[in-house]
Amino acid sequence: MSDTAETKPIFDASLPEPMADRRCSRPLCESDAEVILAFGYETRHVMLRWIDDEYDPNLLELCARHADRFNPPQGWSSDDHRRQVVDLRSLHAESVSG
């Protein structure tokens, strides 16, 4: 390597941030998307989960406010995987006492 070699910048401002410009799918909402809403049409089942790094145009992306207010269509079931949180303190207490 020569001392005159041009060095590339570590950060390139022309590249978008990983989650940049991912807005809520609801019309007129300008909030950042945080939740994915996936519809299983054959099973009539809806699933809410935290957003992925990779964008999928087949899924709706909602802000937390709109995801919290979402109700599935009549006759459909739903799972909200955002709410399945494990209380690590209680798990630890059980493992220590047992």
Protein backbone atom coordinates (compact mmCIF):
# COMPACT_ATOMS: atom_id res chain seq x y z
CA MET A 1 0.00 0.00 0.00
CA SER A 2 1.30 3.42 -0.84
CA ASP A 3 1.03 6.50 1.34
CA THR A 4 -0.69 8.35 -1.50
CA ALA A 5 -3.61 5.91 -1.77
CA GLU A 6 -6.94 7.64 -1.35
CA THR A 7 -8.83 6.55 1.76
CA LYS A 8 -12.56 6.02 1.63
CA PRO A 9 -14.71 7.66 4.30
CA ILE A 10 -16.07 5.32 6.97
CA PHE A 11 -19.56 6.83 6.71
CA ASP A 12 -21.12 7.57 3.36
CA ALA A 13 -23.92 10.12 3.82
CA SER A 14 -25.46 9.18 0.48
CA LEU A 15 -26.49 5.74 1.78
CA PRO A 16 -29.85 5.50 3.58
CA GLU A 17 -30.03 4.41 7.19
CA PRO A 18 -31.20 0.79 7.61
CA MET A 19 -34.78 1.68 8.68
CA ALA A 20 -35.01 5.05 6.93
CA ASP A 21 -38.26 6.10 5.27
CA ARG A 22 -40.35 3.24 6.64
CA ARG A 23 -43.54 5.01 7.57
CA CYS A 24 -46.84 3.75 8.89
CA SER A 25 -49.03 2.31 6.13
CA ARG A 26 -52.10 4.19 7.36
CA PRO A 27 -53.00 7.12 5.10
CA LEU A 28 -51.87 10.54 6.37
CA CYS A 29 -49.82 9.01 9.20
CA GLU A 30 -46.22 10.17 9.14
CA SER A 31 -45.05 8.15 12.17
CA ASP A 32 -42.25 5.60 11.86
CA ALA A 33 -43.33 2.01 11.24
CA GLU A 34 -42.66 -0.24 14.22
CA VAL A 35 -45.00 -3.20 13.76
CA ILE A 36 -45.75 -5.64 10.94
CA LEU A 37 -49.33 -6.66 10.30
CA ALA A 38 -49.58 -9.96 8.40
CA PHE A 39 -52.84 -11.39 7.09
CA GLY A 40 -53.33 -15.13 6.53
CA TYR A 41 -56.28 -15.06 4.15
CA GLU A 42 -56.73 -18.84 3.93
CA THR A 43 -56.77 -19.28 7.71
CA ARG A 44 -58.48 -15.93 8.45
CA HIS A 45 -55.77 -15.13 10.93
CA VAL A 46 -53.91 -11.87 11.58
CA MET A 47 -50.51 -11.54 13.26
CA LEU A 48 -48.81 -8.47 14.70
CA ARG A 49 -45.06 -8.57 15.37
CA TRP A 50 -42.16 -6.17 15.70
CA ILE A 51 -40.78 -4.87 12.43
CA ASP A 52 -37.93 -6.66 10.62
CA ASP A 53 -34.85 -5.08 9.14
CA GLU A 54 -35.83 -6.35 5.70
CA TYR A 55 -38.77 -4.70 3.94
CA ASP A 56 -41.52 -6.94 2.52
CA PRO A 57 -44.03 -5.10 0.30
CA ASN A 58 -46.62 -7.84 0.95
CA LEU A 59 -46.94 -6.88 4.63
CA LEU A 60 -48.43 -3.77 6.21
CA GLU A 61 -46.17 -1.76 8.47
CA LEU A 62 -47.83 0.29 11.19
CA CYS A 63 -46.75 2.74 13.86
CA ALA A 64 -47.26 1.59 17.46
CA ARG A 65 -50.36 3.77 17.89
CA HIS A 66 -52.18 2.29 14.91
CA ALA A 67 -51.05 -1.25 15.76
CA ASP A 68 -52.41 -0.86 19.30
CA ARG A 69 -55.76 0.29 17.91
CA PHE A 70 -56.02 -2.48 15.29
CA ASN A 71 -58.93 -4.95 15.50
CA PRO A 72 -59.05 -7.95 13.16
CA PRO A 73 -61.95 -8.29 10.73
CA GLN A 74 -65.09 -9.89 12.14
CA GLY A 75 -64.71 -13.68 12.27
CA TRP A 76 -60.90 -13.56 12.14
CA SER A 77 -58.49 -14.61 14.89
CA SER A 78 -55.36 -12.70 15.80
CA ASP A 79 -52.06 -13.04 17.66
CA ASP A 80 -50.06 -10.11 18.95
CA HIS A 81 -46.51 -11.40 19.28
CA ARG A 82 -45.36 -8.06 20.64
CA ARG A 83 -47.09 -8.82 23.93
CA GLN A 84 -45.44 -12.18 24.51
CA VAL A 85 -42.81 -10.90 26.92
CA VAL A 86 -41.05 -13.15 29.37
CA ASP A 87 -40.45 -11.85 32.89
CA LEU A 88 -36.82 -12.86 33.34
CA ARG A 89 -36.87 -12.02 37.05
CA SER A 90 -39.62 -14.54 37.76
CA LEU A 91 -37.87 -17.17 35.64
CA HIS A 92 -34.65 -16.60 37.56
CA ALA A 93 -36.44 -16.78 40.94
CA GLU A 94 -38.08 -20.07 39.92
CA SER A 95 -34.77 -21.56 38.80
CA VAL A 96 -33.00 -20.51 42.00
CA SER A 97 -35.77 -21.71 44.36
CA GLY A 98 -36.41 -24.97 42.48
